[in-house]
N, C-alpha and C. Protein backbone atom coordinates (compact mmCIF):
# COMPACT_ATOMS: atom_id res chain seq x y z
N MET A 1 19.55 1.95 142.77
CA MET A 1 20.72 2.16 143.58
C MET A 1 21.27 0.79 143.97
N GLU A 2 22.58 0.69 143.93
CA GLU A 2 23.21 -0.58 144.29
C GLU A 2 24.10 -0.41 145.50
N ARG A 3 24.21 -1.48 146.24
CA ARG A 3 25.07 -1.52 147.42
C ARG A 3 25.75 -2.87 147.43
N GLY A 4 27.05 -2.89 147.20
CA GLY A 4 27.78 -4.16 147.22
C GLY A 4 27.27 -5.17 146.22
N GLY A 5 26.85 -4.71 145.02
CA GLY A 5 26.38 -5.63 144.00
C GLY A 5 24.91 -5.99 144.12
N LYS A 6 24.25 -5.57 145.19
CA LYS A 6 22.83 -5.87 145.36
C LYS A 6 22.05 -4.57 145.34
N THR A 7 20.86 -4.62 144.76
CA THR A 7 20.04 -3.42 144.75
C THR A 7 19.46 -3.21 146.14
N VAL A 8 19.13 -1.96 146.44
CA VAL A 8 18.53 -1.64 147.74
C VAL A 8 17.22 -2.41 147.90
N LYS A 9 16.46 -2.54 146.80
CA LYS A 9 15.20 -3.27 146.86
C LYS A 9 15.42 -4.73 147.25
N SER A 10 16.43 -5.38 146.69
CA SER A 10 16.67 -6.78 147.04
C SER A 10 17.15 -6.90 148.48
N LEU A 11 17.90 -5.90 148.97
CA LEU A 11 18.31 -5.91 150.37
C LEU A 11 17.10 -5.78 151.28
N ALA A 12 16.17 -4.90 150.92
CA ALA A 12 14.96 -4.74 151.71
C ALA A 12 14.16 -6.03 151.70
N HIS A 13 14.07 -6.68 150.53
CA HIS A 13 13.33 -7.94 150.43
C HIS A 13 13.98 -9.00 151.31
N ALA A 14 15.30 -9.06 151.30
CA ALA A 14 16.01 -10.03 152.14
C ALA A 14 15.73 -9.75 153.61
N SER A 15 15.64 -8.48 153.97
CA SER A 15 15.33 -8.10 155.35
C SER A 15 13.92 -8.56 155.73
N ASP A 16 12.97 -8.42 154.80
CA ASP A 16 11.60 -8.86 155.04
C ASP A 16 11.55 -10.37 155.24
N ILE A 17 12.29 -11.09 154.42
CA ILE A 17 12.32 -12.55 154.54
C ILE A 17 12.93 -12.95 155.88
N GLU A 18 13.99 -12.26 156.28
CA GLU A 18 14.61 -12.56 157.57
C GLU A 18 13.62 -12.30 158.72
N ALA A 19 12.84 -11.24 158.61
CA ALA A 19 11.84 -10.94 159.64
C ALA A 19 10.81 -12.07 159.72
N LEU A 20 10.39 -12.59 158.57
CA LEU A 20 9.44 -13.71 158.57
C LEU A 20 10.07 -14.95 159.20
N HIS A 21 11.34 -15.19 158.90
CA HIS A 21 12.04 -16.33 159.51
C HIS A 21 12.11 -16.16 161.03
N GLU A 22 12.35 -14.92 161.46
CA GLU A 22 12.42 -14.66 162.90
C GLU A 22 11.07 -14.95 163.57
N ILE A 23 9.99 -14.54 162.93
CA ILE A 23 8.65 -14.82 163.48
C ILE A 23 8.45 -16.33 163.55
N GLY A 24 8.85 -17.04 162.49
CA GLY A 24 8.75 -18.50 162.49
C GLY A 24 9.55 -19.13 163.61
N ARG A 25 10.74 -18.60 163.86
CA ARG A 25 11.56 -19.14 164.97
C ARG A 25 10.87 -18.92 166.31
N HIS A 26 10.25 -17.75 166.49
CA HIS A 26 9.53 -17.49 167.74
C HIS A 26 8.38 -18.48 167.92
N LEU A 27 7.67 -18.74 166.83
CA LEU A 27 6.56 -19.70 166.90
C LEU A 27 7.07 -21.10 167.23
N ALA A 28 8.13 -21.51 166.53
CA ALA A 28 8.69 -22.85 166.74
C ALA A 28 9.24 -23.01 168.15
N ALA A 29 9.75 -21.92 168.73
CA ALA A 29 10.32 -21.99 170.08
C ALA A 29 9.24 -21.89 171.15
N ALA A 30 7.99 -21.77 170.71
CA ALA A 30 6.86 -21.63 171.63
C ALA A 30 7.05 -20.42 172.54
N ASP A 31 7.53 -19.32 171.96
CA ASP A 31 7.67 -18.07 172.71
C ASP A 31 6.29 -17.60 173.14
N PRO A 32 6.23 -16.75 174.15
CA PRO A 32 4.93 -16.24 174.59
C PRO A 32 4.18 -15.59 173.42
N LEU A 33 2.87 -15.83 173.38
CA LEU A 33 2.04 -15.34 172.28
C LEU A 33 2.22 -13.84 172.05
N HIS A 34 2.23 -13.06 173.12
CA HIS A 34 2.35 -11.61 172.94
C HIS A 34 3.65 -11.22 172.27
N GLN A 35 4.72 -11.91 172.56
CA GLN A 35 6.01 -11.61 171.94
C GLN A 35 5.93 -11.87 170.43
N VAL A 36 5.32 -12.95 170.05
CA VAL A 36 5.18 -13.28 168.63
C VAL A 36 4.26 -12.28 167.94
N LEU A 37 3.12 -11.98 168.56
CA LEU A 37 2.17 -11.05 167.94
C LEU A 37 2.75 -9.64 167.83
N ASP A 38 3.50 -9.22 168.84
CA ASP A 38 4.16 -7.90 168.76
C ASP A 38 5.13 -7.86 167.59
N ARG A 39 5.83 -8.96 167.34
CA ARG A 39 6.77 -9.02 166.21
C ARG A 39 6.01 -8.99 164.89
N VAL A 40 4.86 -9.64 164.83
CA VAL A 40 4.03 -9.61 163.61
C VAL A 40 3.58 -8.17 163.34
N VAL A 41 3.11 -7.46 164.36
CA VAL A 41 2.68 -6.07 164.19
C VAL A 41 3.85 -5.20 163.73
N GLU A 42 5.01 -5.41 164.33
CA GLU A 42 6.20 -4.66 163.93
C GLU A 42 6.54 -4.91 162.46
N PHE A 43 6.47 -6.17 162.05
CA PHE A 43 6.77 -6.54 160.67
C PHE A 43 5.78 -5.90 159.69
N VAL A 44 4.49 -6.03 159.97
CA VAL A 44 3.47 -5.47 159.09
C VAL A 44 3.62 -3.95 159.01
N SER A 45 3.85 -3.32 160.15
CA SER A 45 4.01 -1.86 160.17
C SER A 45 5.24 -1.40 159.40
N SER A 46 6.26 -2.26 159.30
CA SER A 46 7.44 -1.89 158.52
C SER A 46 7.17 -2.00 157.02
N LEU A 47 6.24 -2.86 156.63
CA LEU A 47 5.90 -3.03 155.21
C LEU A 47 4.92 -1.99 154.72
N VAL A 48 3.95 -1.66 155.59
CA VAL A 48 2.87 -0.76 155.22
C VAL A 48 2.92 0.45 156.15
N PRO A 49 3.37 1.59 155.65
CA PRO A 49 3.41 2.77 156.51
C PRO A 49 2.01 3.07 157.05
N CYS A 50 1.90 3.14 158.36
CA CYS A 50 0.58 3.36 158.96
C CYS A 50 0.74 4.00 160.33
N ASP A 51 -0.31 4.67 160.75
CA ASP A 51 -0.34 5.26 162.08
C ASP A 51 -0.73 4.22 163.11
N SER A 52 -1.61 3.31 162.71
CA SER A 52 -2.12 2.30 163.63
C SER A 52 -2.07 0.93 162.98
N CYS A 53 -1.86 -0.06 163.80
CA CYS A 53 -1.92 -1.45 163.35
C CYS A 53 -2.40 -2.28 164.53
N PHE A 54 -3.52 -2.94 164.35
CA PHE A 54 -4.11 -3.74 165.42
C PHE A 54 -4.18 -5.19 165.00
N LEU A 55 -3.92 -6.08 165.91
CA LEU A 55 -4.00 -7.50 165.63
C LEU A 55 -5.03 -8.11 166.58
N TYR A 56 -6.13 -8.57 166.00
CA TYR A 56 -7.20 -9.22 166.77
C TYR A 56 -7.07 -10.72 166.58
N VAL A 57 -7.41 -11.47 167.62
CA VAL A 57 -7.40 -12.92 167.57
C VAL A 57 -8.83 -13.39 167.86
N LEU A 58 -9.32 -14.32 167.04
CA LEU A 58 -10.66 -14.86 167.24
C LEU A 58 -10.59 -15.89 168.36
N GLU A 59 -11.31 -15.60 169.44
CA GLU A 59 -11.32 -16.48 170.61
C GLU A 59 -12.76 -16.69 171.06
N GLY A 60 -13.23 -17.90 170.95
CA GLY A 60 -14.58 -18.21 171.41
C GLY A 60 -15.66 -17.36 170.78
N GLY A 61 -15.55 -17.08 169.50
CA GLY A 61 -16.57 -16.32 168.79
C GLY A 61 -16.46 -14.81 168.99
N VAL A 62 -15.41 -14.35 169.69
CA VAL A 62 -15.19 -12.93 169.93
C VAL A 62 -13.80 -12.56 169.44
N LEU A 63 -13.67 -11.40 168.81
CA LEU A 63 -12.37 -10.91 168.38
C LEU A 63 -11.76 -10.11 169.52
N LYS A 64 -10.57 -10.50 169.96
CA LYS A 64 -9.92 -9.83 171.08
C LYS A 64 -8.63 -9.18 170.59
N LEU A 65 -8.47 -7.89 170.94
CA LEU A 65 -7.25 -7.17 170.58
C LEU A 65 -6.09 -7.75 171.38
N ARG A 66 -5.09 -8.28 170.65
CA ARG A 66 -3.96 -8.92 171.31
C ARG A 66 -2.64 -8.19 171.10
N ALA A 67 -2.56 -7.31 170.08
CA ALA A 67 -1.33 -6.56 169.85
C ALA A 67 -1.67 -5.29 169.08
N SER A 68 -0.84 -4.28 169.27
CA SER A 68 -1.06 -2.99 168.63
C SER A 68 0.27 -2.30 168.39
N LYS A 69 0.32 -1.51 167.32
CA LYS A 69 1.55 -0.78 167.02
C LYS A 69 1.89 0.16 168.17
N HIS A 70 0.90 0.81 168.73
CA HIS A 70 1.07 1.70 169.88
C HIS A 70 0.27 1.10 171.02
N PRO A 71 0.83 0.12 171.72
CA PRO A 71 0.05 -0.59 172.73
C PRO A 71 -0.43 0.33 173.86
N HIS A 72 -1.65 0.14 174.19
CA HIS A 72 -2.26 0.84 175.31
C HIS A 72 -2.62 -0.23 176.33
N PRO A 73 -1.92 -0.29 177.44
CA PRO A 73 -2.15 -1.36 178.41
C PRO A 73 -3.61 -1.49 178.85
N ASP A 74 -4.33 -0.39 178.79
CA ASP A 74 -5.72 -0.45 179.23
C ASP A 74 -6.65 -1.11 178.22
N VAL A 75 -6.21 -1.32 176.96
CA VAL A 75 -7.10 -1.94 175.98
C VAL A 75 -6.59 -3.27 175.41
N VAL A 76 -5.26 -3.44 175.30
CA VAL A 76 -4.74 -4.71 174.79
C VAL A 76 -5.14 -5.81 175.77
N ASP A 77 -5.68 -6.88 175.24
CA ASP A 77 -6.19 -8.04 175.99
C ASP A 77 -7.55 -7.77 176.66
N ARG A 78 -8.06 -6.56 176.52
CA ARG A 78 -9.37 -6.25 177.11
C ARG A 78 -10.42 -5.86 176.07
N LEU A 79 -9.98 -5.21 175.00
CA LEU A 79 -10.90 -4.75 173.97
C LEU A 79 -11.37 -5.92 173.13
N THR A 80 -12.66 -6.06 173.01
CA THR A 80 -13.22 -7.13 172.19
C THR A 80 -14.24 -6.56 171.21
N LEU A 81 -14.40 -7.26 170.12
CA LEU A 81 -15.43 -6.95 169.13
C LEU A 81 -16.28 -8.19 168.95
N ARG A 82 -17.57 -7.98 168.93
CA ARG A 82 -18.47 -9.09 168.61
C ARG A 82 -18.36 -9.39 167.13
N MET A 83 -18.61 -10.63 166.79
CA MET A 83 -18.65 -10.98 165.37
C MET A 83 -19.73 -10.08 164.75
N GLY A 84 -19.38 -9.43 163.66
CA GLY A 84 -20.32 -8.55 162.98
C GLY A 84 -20.15 -7.09 163.36
N GLN A 85 -19.37 -6.79 164.40
CA GLN A 85 -19.20 -5.41 164.86
C GLN A 85 -18.02 -4.76 164.15
N GLY A 86 -18.27 -3.60 163.53
CA GLY A 86 -17.20 -2.91 162.82
C GLY A 86 -16.74 -3.71 161.60
N ILE A 87 -15.82 -3.15 160.85
CA ILE A 87 -15.37 -3.83 159.63
C ILE A 87 -14.67 -5.14 159.96
N THR A 88 -13.85 -5.15 161.01
CA THR A 88 -13.12 -6.36 161.36
C THR A 88 -14.08 -7.48 161.74
N GLY A 89 -15.03 -7.17 162.61
CA GLY A 89 -16.01 -8.17 163.04
C GLY A 89 -16.94 -8.60 161.93
N TRP A 90 -17.32 -7.63 161.06
CA TRP A 90 -18.22 -7.95 159.96
C TRP A 90 -17.56 -8.93 159.00
N VAL A 91 -16.30 -8.64 158.63
CA VAL A 91 -15.60 -9.53 157.71
C VAL A 91 -15.41 -10.91 158.35
N ALA A 92 -15.02 -10.93 159.63
CA ALA A 92 -14.83 -12.22 160.31
C ALA A 92 -16.13 -13.03 160.33
N LYS A 93 -17.24 -12.36 160.56
CA LYS A 93 -18.53 -13.04 160.64
C LYS A 93 -19.00 -13.54 159.28
N HIS A 94 -18.73 -12.78 158.24
CA HIS A 94 -19.28 -13.08 156.91
C HIS A 94 -18.24 -13.57 155.91
N ILE A 95 -17.07 -13.95 156.36
CA ILE A 95 -15.96 -14.23 155.43
C ILE A 95 -16.30 -15.32 154.41
N GLU A 96 -17.00 -16.37 154.82
CA GLU A 96 -17.31 -17.44 153.86
C GLU A 96 -18.24 -16.94 152.77
N GLN A 97 -19.28 -16.19 153.14
CA GLN A 97 -20.21 -15.65 152.14
C GLN A 97 -19.52 -14.62 151.25
N ILE A 98 -18.69 -13.75 151.86
CA ILE A 98 -17.97 -12.73 151.09
C ILE A 98 -17.07 -13.41 150.06
N ASP A 99 -16.29 -14.37 150.53
CA ASP A 99 -15.35 -15.02 149.63
C ASP A 99 -16.06 -15.77 148.50
N GLU A 100 -17.18 -16.39 148.81
CA GLU A 100 -17.95 -17.08 147.78
C GLU A 100 -18.47 -16.08 146.74
N LEU A 101 -18.98 -14.95 147.21
CA LEU A 101 -19.48 -13.90 146.33
C LEU A 101 -18.34 -13.33 145.48
N LEU A 102 -17.20 -13.05 146.10
CA LEU A 102 -16.07 -12.50 145.36
C LEU A 102 -15.57 -13.49 144.31
N GLU A 103 -15.51 -14.75 144.68
CA GLU A 103 -15.03 -15.76 143.73
C GLU A 103 -15.99 -15.90 142.56
N THR A 104 -17.28 -15.77 142.80
CA THR A 104 -18.29 -15.84 141.73
C THR A 104 -18.03 -14.75 140.69
N HIS A 105 -17.60 -13.58 141.17
CA HIS A 105 -17.39 -12.44 140.26
C HIS A 105 -15.97 -12.30 139.77
N SER A 106 -15.07 -13.16 140.18
CA SER A 106 -13.67 -13.06 139.73
C SER A 106 -13.41 -14.10 138.65
N VAL A 107 -13.81 -13.76 137.46
CA VAL A 107 -13.71 -14.66 136.31
C VAL A 107 -12.24 -15.01 136.06
N GLY A 108 -11.96 -16.31 136.03
CA GLY A 108 -10.61 -16.77 135.75
C GLY A 108 -9.67 -16.75 136.94
N TRP A 109 -10.15 -16.32 138.09
CA TRP A 109 -9.32 -16.28 139.29
C TRP A 109 -10.04 -16.98 140.43
N THR A 110 -9.30 -17.71 141.22
CA THR A 110 -9.84 -18.21 142.48
C THR A 110 -9.21 -17.39 143.58
N LEU A 111 -9.90 -17.23 144.69
CA LEU A 111 -9.37 -16.40 145.77
C LEU A 111 -8.05 -16.93 146.30
N ASP A 112 -7.88 -18.24 146.32
CA ASP A 112 -6.62 -18.78 146.84
C ASP A 112 -5.44 -18.48 145.91
N ARG A 113 -5.71 -18.10 144.67
CA ARG A 113 -4.63 -17.69 143.75
C ARG A 113 -4.29 -16.22 143.91
N MET A 114 -5.19 -15.45 144.51
CA MET A 114 -4.97 -14.02 144.67
C MET A 114 -4.05 -13.76 145.85
N PRO A 115 -3.18 -12.77 145.72
CA PRO A 115 -2.38 -12.37 146.87
C PRO A 115 -3.29 -11.92 148.02
N ALA A 116 -2.84 -12.12 149.24
CA ALA A 116 -3.64 -11.77 150.42
C ALA A 116 -4.05 -10.31 150.42
N VAL A 117 -3.16 -9.43 149.96
CA VAL A 117 -3.49 -8.00 149.92
C VAL A 117 -4.71 -7.76 149.03
N ASP A 118 -4.72 -8.38 147.86
CA ASP A 118 -5.84 -8.21 146.92
C ASP A 118 -7.14 -8.72 147.55
N ARG A 119 -7.08 -9.92 148.14
CA ARG A 119 -8.28 -10.50 148.78
C ARG A 119 -8.82 -9.58 149.86
N ASN A 120 -7.93 -9.05 150.68
CA ASN A 120 -8.39 -8.23 151.80
C ASN A 120 -8.92 -6.87 151.34
N ILE A 121 -8.35 -6.32 150.29
CA ILE A 121 -8.90 -5.09 149.73
C ILE A 121 -10.30 -5.36 149.19
N LEU A 122 -10.49 -6.49 148.53
CA LEU A 122 -11.82 -6.86 148.03
C LEU A 122 -12.80 -7.04 149.19
N ARG A 123 -12.36 -7.63 150.27
CA ARG A 123 -13.24 -7.83 151.44
C ARG A 123 -13.66 -6.49 152.03
N ILE A 124 -12.73 -5.55 152.12
CA ILE A 124 -13.07 -4.21 152.62
C ILE A 124 -14.08 -3.55 151.69
N GLY A 125 -13.83 -3.65 150.38
CA GLY A 125 -14.77 -3.08 149.41
C GLY A 125 -16.14 -3.73 149.50
N ALA A 126 -16.19 -5.05 149.68
CA ALA A 126 -17.47 -5.74 149.82
C ALA A 126 -18.21 -5.26 151.06
N TYR A 127 -17.47 -5.05 152.14
CA TYR A 127 -18.08 -4.51 153.37
C TYR A 127 -18.71 -3.15 153.10
N GLU A 128 -17.95 -2.25 152.46
CA GLU A 128 -18.47 -0.91 152.21
C GLU A 128 -19.67 -0.93 151.28
N LEU A 129 -19.67 -1.83 150.29
CA LEU A 129 -20.82 -1.94 149.39
C LEU A 129 -22.04 -2.50 150.12
N GLU A 130 -21.82 -3.52 150.92
CA GLU A 130 -22.93 -4.17 151.63
C GLU A 130 -23.53 -3.27 152.70
N GLU A 131 -22.67 -2.63 153.47
CA GLU A 131 -23.15 -1.80 154.59
C GLU A 131 -23.51 -0.38 154.15
N GLU A 132 -23.18 -0.05 152.89
CA GLU A 132 -23.46 1.27 152.33
C GLU A 132 -22.92 2.38 153.22
N THR A 133 -21.68 2.20 153.70
CA THR A 133 -21.04 3.21 154.54
C THR A 133 -20.70 4.47 153.74
N VAL A 134 -20.49 4.29 152.43
CA VAL A 134 -20.23 5.39 151.50
C VAL A 134 -20.90 5.01 150.19
N PRO A 135 -21.09 5.98 149.28
CA PRO A 135 -21.65 5.62 147.97
C PRO A 135 -20.79 4.57 147.28
N ALA A 136 -21.41 3.74 146.46
CA ALA A 136 -20.72 2.63 145.79
C ALA A 136 -19.51 3.11 145.00
N GLU A 137 -19.64 4.22 144.30
CA GLU A 137 -18.52 4.73 143.50
C GLU A 137 -17.33 5.07 144.37
N VAL A 138 -17.59 5.61 145.56
CA VAL A 138 -16.52 5.97 146.49
C VAL A 138 -15.86 4.71 147.03
N ALA A 139 -16.67 3.72 147.41
CA ALA A 139 -16.13 2.46 147.94
C ALA A 139 -15.21 1.80 146.91
N ILE A 140 -15.66 1.76 145.67
CA ILE A 140 -14.86 1.13 144.61
C ILE A 140 -13.58 1.93 144.37
N ASN A 141 -13.69 3.25 144.29
CA ASN A 141 -12.52 4.08 144.06
C ASN A 141 -11.49 3.94 145.19
N GLU A 142 -11.95 3.90 146.44
CA GLU A 142 -11.03 3.74 147.58
C GLU A 142 -10.31 2.39 147.49
N ALA A 143 -11.05 1.35 147.13
CA ALA A 143 -10.45 0.01 147.01
C ALA A 143 -9.41 -0.01 145.88
N VAL A 144 -9.72 0.64 144.77
CA VAL A 144 -8.78 0.71 143.64
C VAL A 144 -7.52 1.47 144.06
N LEU A 145 -7.68 2.57 144.78
CA LEU A 145 -6.51 3.33 145.24
C LEU A 145 -5.66 2.51 146.20
N LEU A 146 -6.30 1.73 147.09
CA LEU A 146 -5.55 0.85 147.98
C LEU A 146 -4.75 -0.18 147.17
N ALA A 147 -5.40 -0.75 146.17
CA ALA A 147 -4.72 -1.76 145.34
C ALA A 147 -3.55 -1.14 144.59
N LYS A 148 -3.71 0.06 144.06
CA LYS A 148 -2.61 0.72 143.36
C LYS A 148 -1.45 1.00 144.31
N ARG A 149 -1.79 1.36 145.54
CA ARG A 149 -0.73 1.71 146.50
C ARG A 149 -0.03 0.48 147.07
N TYR A 150 -0.79 -0.55 147.41
CA TYR A 150 -0.21 -1.68 148.13
C TYR A 150 -0.08 -2.96 147.31
N ALA A 151 -0.62 -2.94 146.10
CA ALA A 151 -0.53 -4.13 145.25
C ALA A 151 0.05 -3.71 143.90
N THR A 152 -0.70 -3.97 142.83
CA THR A 152 -0.21 -3.66 141.48
C THR A 152 -1.32 -3.01 140.68
N ASP A 153 -0.94 -2.47 139.51
CA ASP A 153 -1.96 -1.90 138.62
C ASP A 153 -2.92 -3.00 138.16
N GLU A 154 -2.38 -4.20 137.94
CA GLU A 154 -3.23 -5.33 137.55
C GLU A 154 -4.24 -5.64 138.66
N ALA A 155 -3.79 -5.61 139.90
CA ALA A 155 -4.70 -5.84 141.03
C ALA A 155 -5.76 -4.75 141.09
N ALA A 156 -5.37 -3.52 140.81
CA ALA A 156 -6.33 -2.42 140.83
C ALA A 156 -7.43 -2.64 139.79
N ARG A 157 -7.06 -3.11 138.60
CA ARG A 157 -8.06 -3.39 137.56
C ARG A 157 -8.97 -4.54 138.00
N LEU A 158 -8.38 -5.57 138.61
CA LEU A 158 -9.16 -6.71 139.10
C LEU A 158 -10.15 -6.25 140.17
N VAL A 159 -9.68 -5.48 141.13
CA VAL A 159 -10.54 -4.96 142.20
C VAL A 159 -11.67 -4.12 141.62
N ASN A 160 -11.34 -3.24 140.68
CA ASN A 160 -12.35 -2.40 140.04
C ASN A 160 -13.42 -3.26 139.35
N GLY A 161 -12.98 -4.27 138.62
CA GLY A 161 -13.93 -5.12 137.90
C GLY A 161 -14.83 -5.92 138.83
N ILE A 162 -14.26 -6.56 139.83
CA ILE A 162 -15.05 -7.40 140.73
C ILE A 162 -16.03 -6.55 141.55
N LEU A 163 -15.53 -5.46 142.13
CA LEU A 163 -16.43 -4.62 142.93
C LEU A 163 -17.47 -3.93 142.05
N GLY A 164 -17.09 -3.60 140.81
CA GLY A 164 -18.06 -3.02 139.88
C GLY A 164 -19.20 -4.00 139.59
N HIS A 165 -18.85 -5.28 139.40
CA HIS A 165 -19.88 -6.30 139.19
C HIS A 165 -20.76 -6.45 140.42
N LEU A 166 -20.15 -6.46 141.60
CA LEU A 166 -20.94 -6.57 142.84
C LEU A 166 -21.90 -5.40 142.98
N SER A 167 -21.40 -4.21 142.69
CA SER A 167 -22.21 -3.00 142.80
C SER A 167 -23.38 -3.03 141.82
N SER A 168 -23.11 -3.43 140.59
CA SER A 168 -24.18 -3.53 139.58
C SER A 168 -25.23 -4.55 139.98
N GLU A 169 -24.77 -5.66 140.52
CA GLU A 169 -25.70 -6.72 140.95
C GLU A 169 -26.59 -6.22 142.10
N ARG A 170 -26.01 -5.46 143.02
CA ARG A 170 -26.78 -4.94 144.14
C ARG A 170 -27.80 -3.90 143.69
N ALA A 171 -27.44 -3.12 142.66
CA ALA A 171 -28.32 -2.06 142.16
C ALA A 171 -29.49 -2.62 141.36
N ALA A 172 -29.31 -3.84 140.81
CA ALA A 172 -30.36 -4.42 139.95
C ALA A 172 -31.55 -4.91 140.74
């Protein structure tokens, strides 16, 4: 579909870029942290349809909830997770080891070359494989479905291959 010579997709992309510029302006203007974080949550929620979106900030070795799509005054700025607690805390605590392990199994790719979405899907999959929250096949399938939905078919194949290698290594 076109509108004034531009496709709707390119208009949406331009809107996304403008939102990122707006966040940058807030940061440069030294706006209050909560105002900037609320804008980040709003931006992410506009890109990824979701019921919930939480933004935690690492402060003194503790993850503190600083913004939420549906803010609850009783928990924002009060809810904390210890490093290692839940998926968010576990990934934060183990990110260096996870990334090293993922990079070892990503033949021809370095993590810094991967889009952030792909890296984070792999981190979630690594968490589920390590903590055995679900069977390995389910963890891998969920990660592949996330990649297909939020990334690309190529990313889905990459996620499947890397997590498959991790799973095989753990089973051996």
